[in-house]
Protein backbone atom coordinates (compact mmCIF):
# COMPACT_ATOMS: atom_id res chain seq x y z
CA MET A 1 116.71 81.64 80.73
CA SER A 2 118.45 79.01 78.61
CA ASN A 3 120.82 79.91 75.80
CA ALA A 4 121.25 83.48 77.06
CA PRO A 5 123.01 85.72 74.51
CA GLU A 6 126.74 86.33 74.73
CA ARG A 7 127.54 88.78 71.93
CA TRP A 8 125.61 91.36 69.97
CA SER A 9 125.85 94.69 68.20
CA PRO A 10 123.29 97.14 66.79
CA SER A 11 123.33 95.19 63.52
CA ASP A 12 123.68 91.65 64.84
CA GLY A 13 121.72 89.78 67.48
CA VAL A 14 119.07 92.49 68.02
CA SER A 15 115.63 91.00 67.43
CA TRP A 16 113.88 94.32 67.74
CA ARG A 17 114.27 97.87 69.03
CA ALA A 18 111.33 99.81 70.55
CA GLU A 19 111.64 103.56 70.98
CA ILE A 20 110.86 104.85 74.48
CA GLU A 21 110.16 108.55 74.77
CA GLY A 22 111.06 110.67 77.77
CA TYR A 23 113.67 109.67 80.31
CA GLY A 24 113.53 106.91 82.88
CA ILE A 25 115.94 104.35 84.27
CA SER A 26 113.53 101.84 85.80
CA SER A 27 114.05 98.24 84.77
CA PRO A 28 111.62 96.62 82.33
CA VAL A 29 109.18 94.15 83.87
CA ILE A 30 108.13 91.05 81.93
CA VAL A 31 104.73 89.41 82.46
CA ALA A 32 103.85 86.54 80.13
CA ASN A 33 104.48 87.88 76.61
CA ARG A 34 104.43 91.55 77.55
CA ILE A 35 107.05 94.04 78.70
CA TYR A 36 106.06 96.94 80.96
CA VAL A 37 108.30 99.96 81.39
CA THR A 38 107.83 103.39 82.99
CA THR A 39 109.14 106.70 81.75
CA ALA A 40 108.83 110.40 82.53
CA ILE A 41 108.17 113.05 79.90
CA THR A 42 109.05 116.67 80.60
CA ALA A 43 107.27 119.27 78.49
CA GLN A 44 105.62 122.67 78.63
CA GLN A 45 101.99 121.99 79.50
CA ARG A 46 98.92 123.78 80.66
CA PRO A 47 98.02 122.48 84.11
CA GLU A 48 94.72 120.65 84.29
CA PRO A 49 93.77 119.95 87.90
CA ARG A 50 91.83 116.72 87.73
CA LEU A 51 90.51 114.74 90.63
CA ALA A 52 91.67 116.72 93.66
CA CYS A 53 90.72 120.19 92.46
CA ASP A 54 88.00 119.44 89.92
CA TYR A 55 86.10 117.09 92.16
CA LEU A 56 86.39 119.44 95.11
CA LEU A 57 85.13 122.26 92.93
CA GLY A 58 82.46 120.01 91.49
CA CYS A 59 81.21 118.84 94.87
CA LEU A 60 81.13 122.33 96.31
CA ALA A 61 79.49 123.63 93.14
CA VAL A 62 76.76 121.06 93.70
CA PHE A 63 76.41 122.45 97.20
CA GLY A 64 75.85 125.91 95.77
CA VAL A 65 73.32 124.92 93.10
CA PRO A 66 70.34 124.55 95.48
CA ALA A 67 71.11 127.99 96.88
CA LEU A 68 71.10 129.57 93.43
CA VAL A 69 67.96 127.62 92.46
CA ARG A 70 66.25 128.87 95.57
CA TYR A 71 67.20 132.45 94.81
CA ARG A 72 65.74 132.13 91.31
CA TRP A 73 62.67 130.43 92.73
CA LYS A 74 62.16 133.34 95.11
CA LEU A 75 62.20 135.75 92.22
CA LYS A 76 59.40 133.77 90.56
CA ALA A 77 57.43 132.44 93.47
CA ALA A 78 57.90 135.49 95.71
CA THR A 79 56.06 134.81 98.94
CA ALA A 80 54.06 131.80 97.79
CA ALA A 81 53.03 129.93 100.92
CA GLU A 82 50.30 127.52 99.83
CA GLY A 83 49.97 124.67 97.37
CA LEU A 84 52.70 122.80 95.57
CA ALA A 85 54.73 125.95 94.97
CA GLY A 86 54.77 126.78 98.67
CA PHE A 87 55.70 123.22 99.59
CA VAL A 88 58.63 123.16 97.14
CA HIS A 89 59.69 126.62 98.26
CA ARG A 90 59.89 125.57 101.90
CA ARG A 91 61.77 122.38 101.04
CA VAL A 92 64.31 124.20 98.87
CA HIS A 93 64.64 126.82 101.61
CA ALA A 94 65.56 124.10 104.13
CA LEU A 95 67.84 122.31 101.65
CA ASP A 96 69.60 125.58 100.93
CA PHE A 97 70.61 125.99 104.55
CA ALA A 98 71.59 122.34 104.91
CA VAL A 99 73.83 122.61 101.86
CA PHE A 100 75.46 125.73 103.23
CA VAL A 101 76.24 124.02 106.54
CA LEU A 102 77.61 120.99 104.66
CA ALA A 103 79.86 123.19 102.55
CA ALA A 104 81.07 125.06 105.63
CA ALA A 105 81.73 121.73 107.34
CA SER A 106 83.87 120.63 104.40
CA VAL A 107 85.97 123.76 104.83
CA VAL A 108 86.26 122.94 108.53
CA ALA A 109 87.38 119.40 107.71
CA PHE A 110 90.05 120.46 105.23
CA GLY A 111 91.19 123.23 107.53
CA THR A 112 91.58 120.77 110.38
CA LEU A 113 93.54 118.35 108.21
CA MET A 114 95.85 121.11 107.05
CA ALA A 115 96.41 122.29 110.62
CA ILE A 116 97.20 118.75 111.81
CA GLY A 117 99.92 118.28 109.23
CA PRO A 118 100.74 117.36 105.64
CA HIS A 119 100.10 113.65 106.08
CA ALA A 120 96.58 114.30 107.32
CA MET A 121 95.98 116.65 104.40
CA ASP A 122 97.31 114.03 102.00
CA ALA A 123 94.96 111.46 103.49
CA GLY A 124 92.00 113.80 103.04
CA LEU A 125 92.88 114.55 99.43
CA ASN A 126 93.54 110.87 98.72
CA THR A 127 90.07 110.03 100.04
CA LEU A 128 88.55 112.74 97.88
CA ARG A 129 90.46 111.49 94.85
CA ASP A 130 89.22 107.93 95.43
CA LEU A 131 85.66 109.23 95.54
CA GLY A 132 86.35 111.02 92.29
CA VAL A 133 87.70 107.83 90.70
CA SER A 134 84.57 105.95 91.78
CA LEU A 135 82.34 108.67 90.42
CA ALA A 136 84.25 108.75 87.13
CA ARG A 137 83.89 105.01 86.75
CA PHE A 138 80.19 105.19 87.61
CA LEU A 139 79.77 107.74 84.86
CA GLY A 140 81.79 105.58 82.49
CA ARG A 141 84.63 108.10 82.22
CA GLU A 142 88.08 107.04 83.36
CA GLN A 143 90.52 109.75 84.32
CA THR A 144 93.75 109.68 82.34
CA ASN A 145 95.56 112.04 84.67
CA LEU A 146 95.28 111.50 88.39
CA TRP A 147 96.87 114.64 89.69
CA PHE A 148 97.97 117.84 88.08
CA LEU A 149 98.70 120.44 90.76
CA ASP A 150 101.19 123.25 90.82
CA TRP A 151 103.19 122.04 93.80
CA ASP A 152 106.13 124.27 93.03
CA GLU A 153 104.96 126.84 95.54
CA GLY A 154 104.69 124.54 98.53
CA ASN A 155 101.43 124.91 100.40
CA ARG A 156 100.03 127.47 98.01
CA HIS A 157 98.19 124.77 96.09
CA ASN A 158 96.18 124.25 99.29
CA THR A 159 95.36 127.93 99.14
CA TRP A 160 93.92 127.61 95.66
CA ILE A 161 91.83 124.64 96.76
CA ILE A 162 90.49 126.43 99.81
CA SER A 163 89.97 129.70 97.95
CA SER A 164 87.78 127.86 95.48
CA ALA A 165 85.89 126.35 98.39
CA MET A 166 85.46 129.79 99.89
CA ALA A 167 84.17 131.10 96.60
CA LEU A 168 81.54 128.41 96.29
CA VAL A 169 80.52 128.56 99.93
CA SER A 170 80.07 132.31 99.55
CA LEU A 171 77.67 131.59 96.70
CA ALA A 172 75.48 129.83 99.21
CA LEU A 173 75.25 133.11 101.15
CA ILE A 174 73.82 135.02 98.19
CA PRO A 175 70.14 134.07 98.52
CA PHE A 176 69.91 134.31 102.31
CA ARG A 177 67.39 136.86 103.57
CA PHE A 178 67.99 137.01 107.27
CA PRO A 179 64.63 138.36 108.54
CA THR A 180 62.91 135.21 107.18
CA HIS A 181 65.59 132.69 108.06
CA PRO A 182 66.39 130.83 111.32
CA ALA A 183 68.47 133.68 112.66
CA ILE A 184 70.74 132.16 115.25
CA ARG A 185 71.78 129.31 112.95
CA VAL A 186 72.74 131.72 110.20
CA VAL A 187 74.82 133.87 112.54
CA VAL A 188 76.61 130.78 113.85
CA ALA A 189 77.20 129.46 110.32
CA VAL A 190 78.57 132.77 109.07
CA ALA A 191 80.84 133.16 112.10
CA LEU A 192 82.03 129.57 111.73
CA PHE A 193 82.80 130.00 108.07
CA THR A 194 84.60 133.29 108.59
CA GLY A 195 86.82 132.02 111.39
CA VAL A 196 87.63 128.69 109.83
CA ALA A 197 88.30 130.12 106.38
CA THR A 198 90.76 132.64 107.79
CA ALA A 199 92.51 130.14 110.08
CA THR A 200 92.57 127.46 107.41
CA ILE A 201 94.59 129.60 105.08
CA TYR A 202 96.67 131.50 107.59
CA VAL A 203 97.96 128.51 109.58
CA PRO A 204 99.62 126.56 106.73
CA TRP A 205 100.95 129.70 105.09
CA ALA A 206 102.38 130.94 108.36
CA VAL A 207 104.03 127.57 108.95
CA ALA A 208 105.35 127.25 105.40
CA TYR A 209 106.52 130.79 104.80
CA GLY A 210 106.74 132.47 108.20
CA ASP A 211 107.62 136.13 107.82
CA ARG A 212 108.47 135.69 104.15
CA PHE A 213 104.83 135.94 103.17
CA PRO A 214 103.38 139.27 104.27
CA THR A 215 100.46 139.14 106.65
CA GLY A 216 99.04 142.16 104.89
CA ALA A 217 98.50 140.09 101.77
CA LEU A 218 96.49 137.59 103.78
CA ILE A 219 94.39 140.34 105.27
CA ALA A 220 93.73 141.78 101.83
CA LEU A 221 92.83 138.34 100.51
CA TYR A 222 90.28 137.47 103.16
CA SER A 223 88.94 140.83 104.21
CA PRO A 224 86.08 140.62 101.64
CA VAL A 225 84.87 137.41 103.27
CA VAL A 226 85.07 138.96 106.72
CA ALA A 227 83.31 142.08 105.43
CA LEU A 228 80.56 139.97 103.89
CA ALA A 229 80.00 138.08 107.12
CA GLY A 230 79.92 141.37 108.99
CA TRP A 231 77.42 142.78 106.47
CA HIS A 232 74.98 139.93 107.13
CA VAL A 233 75.47 139.90 110.90
CA VAL A 234 74.94 143.66 111.18
CA GLY A 235 71.92 143.40 108.90
CA PHE A 236 70.47 140.67 111.06
CA LEU A 237 70.95 142.66 114.26
CA ALA A 238 69.54 145.80 112.66
CA ASN A 239 66.46 143.97 111.46
CA ASN A 240 65.90 142.40 114.86
CA HIS A 241 66.06 145.85 116.41
CA LEU A 242 63.61 147.27 113.88
CA ALA A 243 61.28 144.31 114.34
CA GLY A 244 61.31 144.85 118.11
CA ALA A 245 60.43 148.50 117.59
CA GLY A 246 57.57 147.59 115.27
CA LEU A 247 59.30 149.16 112.25
CA PRO A 248 59.59 147.55 108.80
CA ALA A 249 62.69 145.41 108.26
CA VAL A 250 65.53 146.70 106.13
CA THR A 251 66.08 144.58 103.01
CA THR A 252 69.35 142.72 102.66
CA ARG A 253 69.18 142.61 98.89
CA GLY A 254 72.44 144.55 98.73
CA GLY A 255 74.06 141.64 100.56
CA HIS A 256 73.30 139.41 97.61
CA LEU A 257 75.51 141.58 95.44
CA ALA A 258 78.17 141.84 98.11
CA ALA A 259 78.28 138.08 98.38
CA SER A 260 79.56 137.85 94.83
CA VAL A 261 82.72 139.83 95.68
CA PRO A 262 84.59 137.10 97.58
CA ALA A 263 83.31 134.51 95.13
CA LEU A 264 84.80 136.34 92.17
CA LEU A 265 87.98 137.19 94.07
CA SER A 266 88.58 133.62 95.20
CA ILE A 267 87.88 132.17 91.76
CA ALA A 268 90.21 134.76 90.24
CA LEU A 269 92.95 133.61 92.61
CA PHE A 270 92.31 129.95 91.84
CA VAL A 271 91.98 129.91 88.05
CA PRO A 272 95.12 131.66 86.68
CA PRO A 273 97.87 129.55 88.29
CA ASN A 274 96.03 126.31 87.52
CA TYR A 275 94.44 126.82 84.13
CA LEU A 276 95.67 129.87 82.23
CA TYR A 277 99.42 129.50 81.75
CA GLN A 278 101.84 126.88 80.57
CA ARG A 279 104.77 125.65 82.57
CA GLU A 280 107.22 122.76 82.65
CA MET A 281 105.52 119.61 83.91
CA VAL A 282 106.66 115.99 84.24
CA THR A 283 104.22 113.29 83.17
CA ARG A 284 104.77 109.71 84.36
CA ARG A 285 103.82 107.14 81.75
CA LEU A 286 103.50 103.35 81.67
CA ILE A 287 104.21 101.67 78.34
CA CYS A 288 103.27 98.11 77.37
CA VAL A 289 105.27 96.40 74.60
CA ASP A 290 104.78 93.05 72.92
CA ALA A 291 107.75 90.87 73.93
CA ALA A 292 107.80 88.98 70.65
CA THR A 293 107.75 91.90 68.22
CA GLY A 294 108.53 95.06 70.20
CA SER A 295 105.34 96.73 68.99
CA ARG A 296 103.65 99.06 71.43
CA LEU A 297 100.34 97.68 72.66
CA TRP A 298 99.26 100.69 74.72
CA GLN A 299 100.47 103.50 76.94
CA LYS A 300 98.97 105.08 80.03
CA ASP A 301 99.68 108.57 81.40
CA LEU A 302 99.48 108.27 85.17
CA PHE A 303 99.92 111.75 86.64
CA SER A 304 101.86 114.97 86.14
CA THR A 305 103.67 117.29 88.52
CA PRO A 306 106.18 120.13 88.31
CA PRO A 307 109.80 118.92 88.23
CA ALA A 308 111.38 117.89 91.51
CA ALA A 309 115.02 118.18 92.49
CA LYS A 310 117.01 115.00 91.86
CA ALA A 311 120.57 113.80 91.37
CA ALA A 312 122.10 114.50 87.97
CA LEU A 313 121.91 110.88 86.82
CA ASN A 314 118.61 110.07 88.49
CA SER A 315 115.27 110.24 86.69
CA ASP A 316 111.62 110.91 87.50
CA ALA A 317 110.89 107.24 86.67
CA THR A 318 113.63 105.31 88.48
CA PRO A 319 111.84 102.81 90.78
CA THR A 320 110.99 99.56 89.01
CA PRO A 321 107.32 98.49 89.09
CA THR A 322 106.27 95.40 91.02
CA VAL A 323 103.76 92.91 89.65
CA TRP A 324 101.58 90.35 91.39
CA GLY A 325 98.91 88.52 89.46
CA ASP A 326 97.08 91.07 87.35
CA THR A 327 98.19 94.12 89.37
CA ILE A 328 101.09 96.43 88.50
CA VAL A 329 102.18 98.89 91.20
CA MET A 330 104.44 101.83 90.39
CA ALA A 331 106.03 104.29 92.83
CA PHE A 332 107.54 107.56 91.64
CA GLY A 333 108.16 109.63 94.77
CA PRO A 334 105.23 112.05 94.61
CA GLY A 335 102.78 109.25 93.89
CA ILE A 336 102.11 105.52 93.83
CA VAL A 337 99.71 104.10 91.26
CA ALA A 338 98.24 100.64 90.67
CA VAL A 339 96.80 99.50 87.34
CA ASP A 340 95.81 96.14 85.89
CA LEU A 341 97.65 94.44 83.05
CA GLU A 342 95.60 96.42 80.52
CA GLY A 343 96.46 99.77 82.10
CA ARG A 344 93.11 100.36 83.82
CA LEU A 345 93.45 102.39 86.99
CA LEU A 346 92.90 100.45 90.21
CA TRP A 347 93.98 103.00 92.83
CA SER A 348 96.48 105.73 93.55
CA ARG A 349 98.05 107.53 96.47
CA MET A 350 99.74 110.93 96.25
CA SER A 351 102.30 112.69 98.47
CA PRO A 352 102.31 116.36 97.40
CA ASP A 353 104.90 117.40 99.98
CA TRP A 354 107.46 115.00 98.48
CA ILE A 355 108.25 117.35 95.58
CA GLU A 356 109.22 120.33 97.71
CA ASN A 357 111.44 118.16 99.94
CA SER A 358 113.21 116.06 97.31
CA ILE A 359 116.95 116.53 96.83
CA TYR A 360 118.24 113.41 95.07
CA GLY A 361 114.95 111.94 93.85
CA ALA A 362 113.25 108.57 94.33
CA ALA A 363 115.09 105.28 93.80
CA SER A 364 113.59 102.61 96.05
CA SER A 365 111.15 100.31 94.23
CA PRO A 366 107.89 99.03 95.71
CA VAL A 367 107.69 95.37 96.76
CA THR A 368 104.75 93.11 97.54
CA ASP A 369 103.96 89.87 99.35
CA GLY A 370 100.78 89.31 97.36
CA GLU A 371 98.48 90.95 99.90
CA ALA A 372 100.13 94.29 100.57
CA VAL A 373 102.54 96.53 98.71
CA PHE A 374 105.33 98.29 100.61
CA VAL A 375 106.96 101.62 99.83
CA THR A 376 109.93 103.19 101.61
CA MET A 377 110.36 106.95 101.28
CA ASP A 378 113.46 108.10 103.11
CA GLY A 379 113.87 111.81 103.59
CA GLU A 380 117.26 113.33 102.79
CA TYR A 381 119.22 114.48 105.79
CA GLU A 382 119.75 117.93 104.28
CA ALA A 383 116.01 118.41 103.77
CA ARG A 384 115.14 117.42 107.35
CA HIS A 385 112.12 115.66 105.88
CA THR A 386 110.39 112.84 107.74
CA SER A 387 111.00 109.35 106.37
CA ARG A 388 108.09 106.94 105.94
CA VAL A 389 107.55 103.23 105.45
CA ILE A 390 104.01 102.51 104.24
CA ALA A 391 102.00 99.35 103.61
CA TYR A 392 99.04 99.54 101.22
CA ALA A 393 96.49 96.85 100.45
CA LEU A 394 97.49 95.50 97.04
CA LYS A 395 93.98 95.39 95.60
CA THR A 396 92.42 98.54 97.10
CA GLY A 397 95.27 100.87 98.06
CA GLU A 398 93.99 101.18 101.62
CA GLU A 399 96.79 102.22 103.96
CA LEU A 400 97.30 99.28 106.30
CA TRP A 401 100.05 100.79 108.42
CA SER A 402 102.88 103.28 108.27
CA ASP A 403 105.94 104.15 110.29
CA THR A 404 107.94 107.37 110.51
CA PRO A 405 111.32 106.19 111.81
CA GLN A 406 113.17 109.17 113.21
CA PHE A 407 116.55 107.50 112.65
CA ALA A 408 115.92 106.83 108.94
CA HIS A 409 117.33 109.05 106.20
CA ASP A 410 119.09 108.84 102.85
CA GLY A 411 118.15 105.24 102.11
CA TYR A 412 117.59 104.38 98.43
CA ALA A 413 117.70 100.57 98.55
CA THR A 414 114.63 98.55 97.66
CA PRO A 415 113.34 96.61 100.68
CA VAL A 416 112.87 92.83 100.63
CA VAL A 417 110.18 90.52 102.04
CA TYR A 418 111.21 87.56 104.20
CA ASP A 419 109.10 84.76 105.68
CA ASP A 420 110.85 83.20 108.67
CA GLY A 421 108.25 80.46 109.01
CA HIS A 422 106.60 82.26 111.88
CA GLN A 423 105.80 85.63 110.39
CA LYS A 424 106.58 87.75 107.36
CA LEU A 425 109.04 90.60 107.72
CA LEU A 426 109.81 93.63 105.57
CA LEU A 427 113.55 94.28 105.70
CA ALA A 428 114.18 97.98 104.98
CA LEU A 429 117.72 99.35 104.67
CA THR A 430 118.25 102.98 105.61
CA SER A 431 121.39 104.92 106.44
CA ARG A 432 123.45 102.77 108.86
CA THR A 433 120.42 100.75 109.98
CA LEU A 434 118.55 97.67 108.78
CA VAL A 435 115.02 97.37 110.17
CA GLY A 436 112.79 94.30 110.30
CA TYR A 437 109.10 95.30 110.21
CA VAL A 438 106.37 92.80 110.98
CA ILE A 439 104.28 92.85 107.83
CA ALA A 440 101.05 92.07 109.69
CA ASN A 441 101.03 95.28 111.74
CA GLY A 442 104.15 97.36 111.00
CA ALA A 443 105.73 96.73 114.40
CA VAL A 444 109.52 96.82 114.51
CA SER A 445 110.77 93.30 115.20
CA TRP A 446 114.45 94.24 115.34
CA ARG A 447 117.05 96.82 114.28
CA LEU A 448 120.57 96.10 113.10
CA ASP A 449 123.27 98.78 112.98
CA LEU A 450 125.40 98.67 109.83
CA PRO A 451 128.35 100.85 108.69
CA VAL A 452 126.60 101.67 105.41
CA GLY A 453 125.70 105.31 104.78
CA GLN A 454 123.32 106.24 101.97
CA PRO A 455 122.61 102.62 100.94
CA ILE A 456 121.61 102.17 97.29
CA PRO A 457 122.18 98.46 96.49
CA SER A 458 119.28 96.29 97.59
CA PRO A 459 119.78 93.43 100.06
CA VAL A 460 119.54 89.84 98.78
CA ILE A 461 117.92 86.95 100.68
CA ALA A 462 118.44 83.25 99.99
CA ASN A 463 118.34 80.10 102.11
CA GLY A 464 117.73 81.98 105.34
CA ARG A 465 120.64 84.32 104.75
CA LEU A 466 120.76 88.05 104.16
CA TYR A 467 123.47 89.66 102.05
CA VAL A 468 124.13 93.40 102.30
CA THR A 469 126.60 95.61 100.47
CA GLY A 470 127.08 99.35 100.11
CA GLY A 471 128.76 102.46 101.35
CA VAL A 472 129.80 105.92 100.20
CA GLY A 473 133.07 107.75 100.53
CA SER A 474 135.40 105.76 102.73
CA ASP A 475 132.66 103.27 103.68
CA SER A 476 133.20 99.83 102.12
CA TYR A 477 131.10 96.99 103.43
CA THR A 478 129.78 93.63 102.31
CA ALA A 479 128.39 91.11 104.77
CA ALA A 480 126.25 88.02 105.15
CA PHE A 481 123.90 87.36 108.06
CA ARG A 482 121.90 84.40 109.28
CA LEU A 483 118.29 85.44 109.73
CA ARG A 484 116.72 84.35 113.02
CA ARG A 485 113.15 84.21 114.23
CA ASN A 486 112.21 87.35 116.21
CA ALA A 487 115.86 88.24 116.73
CA VAL A 488 118.59 90.42 115.29
CA PRO A 489 120.44 88.57 112.48
CA ASP A 490 123.81 86.98 113.26
CA ALA A 491 126.82 88.10 111.20
CA LEU A 492 128.41 85.23 109.26
CA TRP A 493 131.15 87.02 107.36
CA VAL A 494 132.24 90.55 106.51
CA SER A 495 134.35 92.04 103.71
CA GLN A 496 135.69 95.53 103.20
CA GLN A 497 134.79 95.46 99.48
CA ARG A 498 131.57 97.06 98.32
CA ALA A 499 129.08 97.77 95.59
CA ASP A 500 128.08 101.39 96.03
CA VAL A 501 125.23 101.65 93.48
CA SER A 502 124.54 98.39 91.63
CA SER A 503 122.55 95.73 93.44
CA PRO A 504 124.40 92.42 93.75
CA VAL A 505 123.31 89.00 92.52
CA LEU A 506 123.47 85.62 94.21
CA TYR A 507 123.83 82.81 91.69
CA ARG A 508 124.93 79.17 91.91
CA GLY A 509 126.35 79.57 95.41
CA MET A 510 128.38 82.65 94.51
CA PHE A 511 127.75 86.25 95.49
CA PHE A 512 128.68 88.83 92.84
CA ALA A 513 128.97 92.57 93.45
CA ILE A 514 130.37 95.42 91.37
CA SER A 515 131.33 98.99 92.24
CA SER A 516 130.44 101.99 90.11
CA THR A 517 134.09 102.14 89.02
CA GLY A 518 133.93 98.60 87.64
CA VAL A 519 135.67 96.58 90.35
CA MET A 520 133.80 93.27 90.47
CA VAL A 521 134.14 90.81 93.34
CA CYS A 522 132.98 87.21 93.56
CA TYR A 523 132.52 85.53 96.96
CA ASP A 524 131.71 82.06 98.05
CA ALA A 525 128.25 82.79 99.45
CA GLU A 526 128.60 80.19 102.21
CA SER A 527 131.99 81.10 103.68
CA GLY A 528 132.55 84.63 102.42
CA ARG A 529 135.86 83.65 100.89
CA MET A 530 136.78 86.00 98.06
CA LEU A 531 137.10 83.87 94.92
CA TRP A 532 138.28 86.70 92.69
CA ARG A 533 138.41 90.48 92.35
CA GLN A 534 138.78 92.05 88.92
CA ARG A 535 138.25 95.38 87.20
CA VAL A 536 135.75 94.87 84.37
CA GLY A 537 136.42 96.62 81.07
CA SER A 538 137.77 100.09 80.56
CA GLY A 539 136.75 103.38 79.07
CA LEU A 540 134.15 106.00 79.92
CA GLY A 541 131.06 105.33 81.97
CA ALA A 542 130.23 103.80 85.32
CA PHE A 543 128.24 100.81 86.53
CA TYR A 544 124.83 101.76 87.93
CA ALA A 545 122.56 98.96 86.69
CA SER A 546 122.06 95.93 88.93
CA LEU A 547 123.82 92.69 88.09
CA VAL A 548 121.68 89.89 86.64
CA ALA A 549 122.54 86.27 85.97
CA ALA A 550 121.29 83.40 83.82
CA ASP A 551 122.65 80.41 81.90
CA ASP A 552 125.94 80.40 83.86
CA LYS A 553 126.59 84.03 82.97
CA VAL A 554 126.56 87.32 84.88
CA TYR A 555 125.66 90.53 83.02
CA ALA A 556 127.10 93.92 84.02
CA VAL A 557 125.94 97.05 82.16
CA ARG A 558 128.16 100.12 81.93
CA SER A 559 126.47 103.51 81.51
CA ASN A 560 128.12 104.03 78.09
CA GLY A 561 125.95 101.24 76.68
CA THR A 562 128.46 98.39 76.96
CA THR A 563 127.35 95.12 78.53
CA TYR A 564 129.98 92.73 79.89
CA VAL A 565 129.20 89.02 80.03
CA ILE A 566 131.21 87.27 82.74
CA ALA A 567 131.32 83.54 83.38
CA ALA A 568 129.65 82.56 86.66
CA GLU A 569 132.70 80.63 87.80
CA ASP A 570 135.15 80.64 90.70
CA LYS A 571 137.80 82.22 88.44
CA PHE A 572 137.27 85.42 86.51
CA ARG A 573 136.59 84.92 82.81
CA LEU A 574 135.27 87.65 80.57
CA ILE A 575 133.16 86.00 77.88
CA SER A 576 132.42 89.10 75.83
CA GLU A 577 131.62 92.76 75.78
CA SER A 578 128.93 94.16 73.51
CA SER A 579 127.87 97.74 72.93
CA LEU A 580 124.76 99.64 71.96
CA PRO A 581 124.93 103.21 70.67
CA GLU A 582 123.12 104.77 73.65
CA GLU A 583 123.74 105.24 77.35
CA ALA A 584 122.19 102.65 79.67
CA PHE A 585 121.40 102.91 83.39
CA ALA A 586 118.56 100.38 83.82
CA SER A 587 119.02 96.81 84.98
CA PRO A 588 118.50 94.14 82.29
CA ALA A 589 115.63 91.64 82.38
CA PHE A 590 114.98 88.26 80.80
CA ALA A 591 112.00 87.39 78.64
CA GLU A 592 111.45 84.05 76.92
CA GLY A 593 114.39 83.73 74.55
CA CYS A 594 115.31 87.40 74.94
CA LEU A 595 117.61 89.57 77.02
CA VAL A 596 115.83 92.93 77.39
CA LEU A 597 118.12 95.93 77.66
CA ARG A 598 116.87 99.44 78.28
CA THR A 599 118.90 102.41 77.12
CA VAL A 600 118.03 106.06 77.63
CA SER A 601 115.90 106.06 74.46
CA ALA A 602 114.83 102.49 73.62
CA LEU A 603 114.20 98.89 74.59
CA TYR A 604 116.29 96.21 72.87
CA CYS A 605 115.52 92.52 72.61
CA ILE A 606 118.80 90.62 72.34
CA SER A 607 118.15 87.12 71.10
CA GLY A 608 120.19 84.15 72.27
CA GLY A 609 118.49 81.59 70.05
CA ALA A 610 115.54 79.32 70.71
CA SER A 611 114.71 78.78 74.34
CA THR A 612 114.52 75.17 75.56
CA GLY A 613 112.48 75.75 78.69
CA PRO A 614 111.01 78.21 81.14
CA GLY A 615 113.10 81.04 82.52
CA GLN A 616 115.48 80.08 85.31
CA GLU A 617 114.73 81.55 88.71
CA VAL A 618 117.67 83.32 90.32
CA GLU A 619 118.16 85.59 93.32
CA VAL A 620 118.58 89.13 91.99
CA GLY A 621 118.73 92.41 93.88
CA GLY A 622 116.14 95.09 93.06
């Protein structure tokens, strides 16, 4: 950016101010003449399960419709055996059983996924959600809320899903009259459903709650289903015995009424926690603003979840979106969503177990190489939660590969993509380790041990060199490495200074880093020689936003709303300090002729005068 602004105040130099509701500290992203920014809005809401629950219910309800139609048909057609009525009756009879088996198989599938583990369950629900998105688009109705589950109770949301499935599958049992139905298949189907339904719910609850959730409650919950299955099996055996003795069969009409008991019970368990009460929910929102005027062009609610634990200064919309072409990808911790530049949903992936395991919240931003998008989700050490590195296809959201590094934890730095001329690597920084993943297949090319615990600043790459800084407590570390093909990087220089939160910036051959307490250091990027070290400003607030640079200036934002403009020179020179009346934690961004600052409540366009050319490309940490 040419002619970047140096001084401003709320009444001077501000081209426009755009209010941003909610709370988020992600950086604004500029594409052409638009600014995209994410936020999170916390409010009392009535849960509205959308794709996962509604489409599961909808699909299983469709399974049950033929059974109910057949039952009504039997009331009208009775024992019709000839003509069109008899033909339709026999076909509906066969379809009824096929639908029941299909519904039971779906319960088996979800039960198996839940027993395998949370990632398998997530994959199953993600597949179901994608089917729901496709169906919604086919019907011309786009979902505005991708996911709205009560995850606050751990695996209990799975219970509500499965209980609804049980309810609808039990509806398929209502019209069965065993003396006239293929007997052995019905007995097998009932036994299968009973066993799987019980195991499906008991296994995850037992794992999640152990002895804290009473087994007696589970028995009470599923005993009606077991009793119903027993009713039909005993009726079948009794009728076989009577038929063998030449006696008239006993009607099972009472079983039709009994079949409604588990249906009503399961639906009663499913509906109240999901539909009938309000609770605090967090909605993630994407906002699009006109860069020239600050007017809001549109907004898109992405998904909602119950609040998750996070650090006091963190937000539910901290990771900065990544953009490639006409695709915007946003990661929030419990979910990753891709939309086009007009906000139309392209794909989404959810991680329900993230909420119950979060301690400090999400911070690492997604990155892309144009073909895939990469997300790092480190588990916190205290939570003992598995860390993951995942690659998704940029256009479709298909999971290309994933890794669960056992050594990774407490990493909050955004990864970087590096092309060594032979292959592309994803460099992911976790606690005390830097890992080079081969982007093509997710294989680990190399690992580098670093004395950096809980890394937050993102690495910077330029001219075949990697720059890393970070550390907590007594850790203080800044270093430069030469990247090598298929080999661990070589250390070039090391310093005991650090930037503990803010990502550094490499600009005009100098490497700038700042600590949260305001100690800024400038190095010669080639040799590592410290050119200067200076405390920037004074007063309340800390430095959390990443450094950015343009037009021979480096910008450092303090959380109290003050921005310091420092000359990008080999000697420290403070050009100016300018304040806005609100706290600021997000990293600045440059639009054409505008420095975009995000505070806790608004976007500001700070004008530096007419621009004389396209924005200047600089190496900036995430």
